[in-house]
């Protein structure tokens, strides 16, 4: 497993929950933590199944703006 942290624009609590649910449903994603006050999303994933670029694209697809 690998862990990556993305810096994001401010998210509301509802947006954070939606993003967490979306990412958790992706194949290879083991855990997702969204820090609303710190504006970060931490993802634990299996690099044999997905990669950082795919995670980034998936977040962009649901409207998360990365910094």
Protein backbone atom coordinates (compact mmCIF):
# COMPACT_ATOMS: atom_id res chain seq x y z
CA UNK A 1 0.00 0.00 0.00
CA UNK A 2 1.04 3.57 -0.66
CA UNK A 3 -0.18 6.81 0.85
CA UNK A 4 -0.48 10.12 -0.94
CA UNK A 5 -1.70 13.50 0.27
CA UNK A 6 -3.38 16.04 -2.00
CA UNK A 7 -3.77 19.71 -1.09
CA UNK A 8 -7.21 20.91 -2.13
CA UNK A 9 -9.27 24.07 -2.17
CA UNK A 10 -11.62 24.51 0.74
CA UNK A 11 -14.32 21.87 0.98
CA UNK A 12 -17.56 21.94 2.92
CA UNK A 13 -18.39 19.03 5.22
CA UNK A 14 -20.89 17.74 2.64
CA UNK A 15 -18.35 17.94 -0.18
CA UNK A 16 -15.78 16.15 1.99
CA UNK A 17 -18.21 13.29 2.62
CA UNK A 18 -19.07 13.02 -1.08
CA UNK A 19 -15.40 12.98 -2.09
CA UNK A 20 -14.56 10.40 0.57
CA UNK A 21 -17.41 8.13 -0.58
CA UNK A 22 -16.42 8.58 -4.24
CA UNK A 23 -12.76 7.78 -3.68
CA UNK A 24 -13.47 4.88 -1.33
CA UNK A 25 -15.55 3.23 -4.05
CA UNK A 26 -12.61 3.22 -6.46
CA UNK A 27 -10.83 -0.11 -7.04
CA UNK A 28 -7.54 -0.22 -5.14
CA UNK A 29 -8.39 2.51 -2.65
CA UNK A 30 -8.08 1.21 0.90
CA UNK A 31 -8.70 4.34 3.00
CA UNK A 32 -9.51 8.02 2.56
CA UNK A 33 -9.22 10.81 5.13
CA UNK A 34 -10.45 14.30 4.34
CA UNK A 35 -9.20 17.12 6.56
CA UNK A 36 -11.62 19.98 5.93
CA UNK A 37 -9.79 22.53 8.10
CA UNK A 38 -6.37 21.56 6.72
CA UNK A 39 -7.66 21.33 3.14
CA UNK A 40 -6.03 17.95 2.48
CA UNK A 41 -7.14 14.55 1.27
CA UNK A 42 -5.02 11.56 2.31
CA UNK A 43 -5.49 8.37 0.31
CA UNK A 44 -4.10 4.90 1.03
CA UNK A 45 -4.15 2.82 -2.15
CA UNK A 46 -2.75 -0.27 -3.83
CA UNK A 47 -0.31 0.88 -6.55
CA UNK A 48 -0.88 -2.39 -8.43
CA UNK A 49 -4.51 -1.35 -8.96
CA UNK A 50 -4.49 2.45 -9.24
CA UNK A 51 -2.02 5.33 -9.25
CA UNK A 52 -1.68 8.95 -8.20
CA UNK A 53 -2.67 10.21 -11.66
CA UNK A 54 -5.90 8.21 -11.65
CA UNK A 55 -6.74 9.47 -8.18
CA UNK A 56 -6.08 13.05 -9.28
CA UNK A 57 -8.28 12.62 -12.38
CA UNK A 58 -11.09 11.10 -10.34
CA UNK A 59 -11.11 14.01 -7.91
CA UNK A 60 -11.14 16.50 -10.77
CA UNK A 61 -14.08 14.62 -12.31
CA UNK A 62 -16.16 15.28 -9.18
CA UNK A 63 -15.16 18.93 -8.99
CA UNK A 64 -12.34 18.89 -6.43
CA UNK A 65 -9.80 21.57 -7.22
CA UNK A 66 -6.27 20.57 -6.29
CA UNK A 67 -3.65 23.08 -5.26
